[in-house]
Amino acid sequence: MDRYVNDAAEEFEQVNSQVRRSLDDERERLIREKGELPWE
């Protein structure tokens, strides 16, 4: 049972890291796009 919990927690950490990286990339992309908008 401990092994299963450890494996599940490890997989969760990996997915969590990927999601955070993806959100950070998207955030940076949106910030760049916002900076490129013509402000008047």
PDB file of N, CA and C in Angstrom:
ATOM      1  N   MET A   1       0.828  -1.201   0.000  1.00  0.00           N
ATOM      2  CA  MET A   1       0.000   0.000   0.000  1.00  0.00           C
ATOM      3  C   MET A   1       0.869   1.260   0.000  1.00  0.00           C
ATOM      4  N   ASP A   2       1.919   1.264   0.808  1.00  0.00           N
ATOM      5  CA  ASP A   2       2.818   2.428   0.836  1.00  0.00           C
ATOM      6  C   ASP A   2       3.417   2.683  -0.534  1.00  0.00           C
ATOM      7  N   ARG A   3       3.783   1.607  -1.206  1.00  0.00           N
ATOM      8  CA  ARG A   3       4.385   1.715  -2.536  1.00  0.00           C
ATOM      9  C   ARG A   3       3.399   2.394  -3.499  1.00  0.00           C
ATOM     10  N   TYR A   4       2.143   1.965  -3.448  1.00  0.00           N
ATOM     11  CA  TYR A   4       1.112   2.550  -4.312  1.00  0.00           C
ATOM     12  C   TYR A   4       0.956   4.042  -4.025  1.00  0.00           C
ATOM     13  N   VAL A   5       0.909   4.398  -2.762  1.00  0.00           N
ATOM     14  CA  VAL A   5       0.750   5.806  -2.381  1.00  0.00           C
ATOM     15  C   VAL A   5       1.954   6.618  -2.849  1.00  0.00           C
ATOM     16  N   ASN A   6       3.147   6.076  -2.651  1.00  0.00           N
ATOM     17  CA  ASN A   6       4.356   6.781  -3.086  1.00  0.00           C
ATOM     18  C   ASN A   6       4.381   6.958  -4.600  1.00  0.00           C
ATOM     19  N   ASP A   7       4.012   5.908  -5.327  1.00  0.00           N
ATOM     20  CA  ASP A   7       3.975   6.004  -6.786  1.00  0.00           C
ATOM     21  C   ASP A   7       2.945   7.032  -7.245  1.00  0.00           C
ATOM     22  N   ALA A   8       1.770   7.016  -6.619  1.00  0.00           N
ATOM     23  CA  ALA A   8       0.720   7.969  -6.984  1.00  0.00           C
ATOM     24  C   ALA A   8       1.159   9.400  -6.672  1.00  0.00           C
ATOM     25  N   ALA A   9       1.803   9.596  -5.534  1.00  0.00           N
ATOM     26  CA  ALA A   9       2.265  10.932  -5.155  1.00  0.00           C
ATOM     27  C   ALA A   9       3.349  11.410  -6.119  1.00  0.00           C
ATOM     28  N   GLU A  10       4.219  10.510  -6.525  1.00  0.00           N
ATOM     29  CA  GLU A  10       5.289  10.863  -7.462  1.00  0.00           C
ATOM     30  C   GLU A  10       4.703  11.261  -8.812  1.00  0.00           C
ATOM     31  N   GLU A  11       3.721  10.490  -9.270  1.00  0.00           N
ATOM     32  CA  GLU A  11       3.072  10.799 -10.545  1.00  0.00           C
ATOM     33  C   GLU A  11       2.340  12.138 -10.450  1.00  0.00           C
ATOM     34  N   PHE A  12       1.677  12.372  -9.331  1.00  0.00           N
ATOM     35  CA  PHE A  12       0.984  13.641  -9.127  1.00  0.00           C
ATOM     36  C   PHE A  12       1.959  14.809  -9.195  1.00  0.00           C
ATOM     37  N   GLU A  13       3.104  14.671  -8.539  1.00  0.00           N
ATOM     38  CA  GLU A  13       4.116  15.739  -8.555  1.00  0.00           C
ATOM     39  C   GLU A  13       4.588  16.014  -9.978  1.00  0.00           C
ATOM     40  N   GLN A  14       4.763  14.955 -10.755  1.00  0.00           N
ATOM     41  CA  GLN A  14       5.223  15.101 -12.136  1.00  0.00           C
ATOM     42  C   GLN A  14       4.175  15.842 -12.976  1.00  0.00           C
ATOM     43  N   VAL A  15       2.918  15.430 -12.859  1.00  0.00           N
ATOM     44  CA  VAL A  15       1.842  16.084 -13.604  1.00  0.00           C
ATOM     45  C   VAL A  15       1.689  17.524 -13.134  1.00  0.00           C
ATOM     46  N   ASN A  16       1.773  17.752 -11.832  1.00  0.00           N
ATOM     47  CA  ASN A  16       1.669  19.094 -11.274  1.00  0.00           C
ATOM     48  C   ASN A  16       2.748  20.004 -11.865  1.00  0.00           C
ATOM     49  N   SER A  17       3.953  19.497 -11.948  1.00  0.00           N
ATOM     50  CA  SER A  17       5.061  20.266 -12.506  1.00  0.00           C
ATOM     51  C   SER A  17       4.808  20.608 -13.976  1.00  0.00           C
ATOM     52  N   GLN A  18       4.308  19.641 -14.731  1.00  0.00           N
ATOM     53  CA  GLN A  18       4.020  19.874 -16.152  1.00  0.00           C
ATOM     54  C   GLN A  18       2.922  20.921 -16.323  1.00  0.00           C
ATOM     55  N   VAL A  19       1.886  20.841 -15.498  1.00  0.00           N
ATOM     56  CA  VAL A  19       0.788  21.803 -15.588  1.00  0.00           C
ATOM     57  C   VAL A  19       1.283  23.204 -15.239  1.00  0.00           C
ATOM     58  N   ARG A  20       2.080  23.303 -14.178  1.00  0.00           N
ATOM     59  CA  ARG A  20       2.621  24.619 -13.793  1.00  0.00           C
ATOM     60  C   ARG A  20       3.480  25.211 -14.909  1.00  0.00           C
ATOM     61  N   ARG A  21       4.314  24.381 -15.515  1.00  0.00           N
ATOM     62  CA  ARG A  21       5.177  24.848 -16.605  1.00  0.00           C
ATOM     63  C   ARG A  21       4.322  25.321 -17.779  1.00  0.00           C
ATOM     64  N   SER A  22       3.286  24.562 -18.100  1.00  0.00           N
ATOM     65  CA  SER A  22       2.393  24.921 -19.193  1.00  0.00           C
ATOM     66  C   SER A  22       1.680  26.241 -18.913  1.00  0.00           C
ATOM     67  N   LEU A  23       1.187  26.409 -17.688  1.00  0.00           N
ATOM     68  CA  LEU A  23       0.516  27.660 -17.324  1.00  0.00           C
ATOM     69  C   LEU A  23       1.485  28.838 -17.344  1.00  0.00           C
ATOM     70  N   ASP A  24       2.708  28.630 -16.884  1.00  0.00           N
ATOM     71  CA  ASP A  24       3.713  29.695 -16.920  1.00  0.00           C
ATOM     72  C   ASP A  24       4.020  30.100 -18.354  1.00  0.00           C
ATOM     73  N   ASP A  25       4.147  29.102 -19.243  1.00  0.00           N
ATOM     74  CA  ASP A  25       4.410  29.393 -20.655  1.00  0.00           C
ATOM     75  C   ASP A  25       3.263  30.186 -21.268  1.00  0.00           C
ATOM     76  N   GLU A  26       2.041  29.775 -20.966  1.00  0.00           N
ATOM     77  CA  GLU A  26       0.865  30.469 -21.505  1.00  0.00           C
ATOM     78  C   GLU A  26       0.790  31.887 -20.958  1.00  0.00           C
ATOM     79  N   ARG A  27       1.081  32.049 -19.688  1.00  0.00           N
ATOM     80  CA  ARG A  27       1.068  33.382 -19.067  1.00  0.00           C
ATOM     81  C   ARG A  27       2.085  34.297 -19.742  1.00  0.00           C
ATOM     82  N   GLU A  28       3.288  33.779 -19.969  1.00  0.00           N
ATOM     83  CA  GLU A  28       4.325  34.573 -20.632  1.00  0.00           C
ATOM     84  C   GLU A  28       3.910  34.945 -22.050  1.00  0.00           C
ATOM     85  N   ARG A  29       3.285  34.004 -22.749  1.00  0.00           N
ATOM     86  CA  ARG A  29       2.834  34.270 -24.117  1.00  0.00           C
ATOM     87  C   ARG A  29       1.785  35.386 -24.122  1.00  0.00           C
ATOM     88  N   LEU A  30       0.836  35.320 -23.187  1.00  0.00           N
ATOM     89  CA  LEU A  30      -0.200  36.348 -23.120  1.00  0.00           C
ATOM     90  C   LEU A  30       0.375  37.710 -22.750  1.00  0.00           C
ATOM     91  N   ILE A  31       1.343  37.738 -21.860  1.00  0.00           N
ATOM     92  CA  ILE A  31       1.990  38.998 -21.484  1.00  0.00           C
ATOM     93  C   ILE A  31       2.710  39.599 -22.692  1.00  0.00           C
ATOM     94  N   ARG A  32       3.395  38.741 -23.461  1.00  0.00           N
ATOM     95  CA  ARG A  32       4.076  39.226 -24.671  1.00  0.00           C
ATOM     96  C   ARG A  32       3.072  39.797 -25.661  1.00  0.00           C
ATOM     97  N   GLU A  33       1.970  39.060 -25.885  1.00  0.00           N
ATOM     98  CA  GLU A  33       0.945  39.540 -26.813  1.00  0.00           C
ATOM     99  C   GLU A  33       0.358  40.865 -26.343  1.00  0.00           C
ATOM    100  N   LYS A  34       0.116  40.986 -25.055  1.00  0.00           N
ATOM    101  CA  LYS A  34      -0.438  42.231 -24.516  1.00  0.00           C
ATOM    102  C   LYS A  34       0.529  43.384 -24.776  1.00  0.00           C
ATOM    103  N   GLY A  35       1.827  43.124 -24.620  1.00  0.00           N
ATOM    104  CA  GLY A  35       2.832  44.151 -24.848  1.00  0.00           C
ATOM    105  C   GLY A  35       2.936  44.576 -26.302  1.00  0.00           C
ATOM    106  N   GLU A  36       2.493  43.710 -27.212  1.00  0.00           N
ATOM    107  CA  GLU A  36       2.568  44.008 -28.640  1.00  0.00           C
ATOM    108  C   GLU A  36       1.332  44.754 -29.154  1.00  0.00           C
ATOM    109  N   LEU A  37       0.304  44.861 -28.325  1.00  0.00           N
ATOM    110  CA  LEU A  37      -0.898  45.558 -28.753  1.00  0.00           C
ATOM    111  C   LEU A  37      -0.625  47.049 -28.908  1.00  0.00           C
ATOM    112  N   PRO A  38      -1.212  47.639 -29.944  1.00  0.00           N
ATOM    113  CA  PRO A  38      -1.020  49.096 -30.139  1.00  0.00           C
ATOM    114  C   PRO A  38      -1.898  49.873 -29.152  1.00  0.00           C
ATOM    115  N   TRP A  39      -1.269  50.527 -28.223  1.00  0.00           N
ATOM    116  CA  TRP A  39      -2.014  51.328 -27.246  1.00  0.00           C
ATOM    117  C   TRP A  39      -2.093  52.753 -27.736  1.00  0.00           C
ATOM    118  N   GLU A  40      -3.271  53.317 -27.636  1.00  0.00           N
ATOM    119  CA  GLU A  40      -3.447  54.705 -28.093  1.00  0.00           C
ATOM    120  C   GLU A  40      -3.893  55.585 -26.955  1.00  0.00           C
TER     121      GLU A  40
END
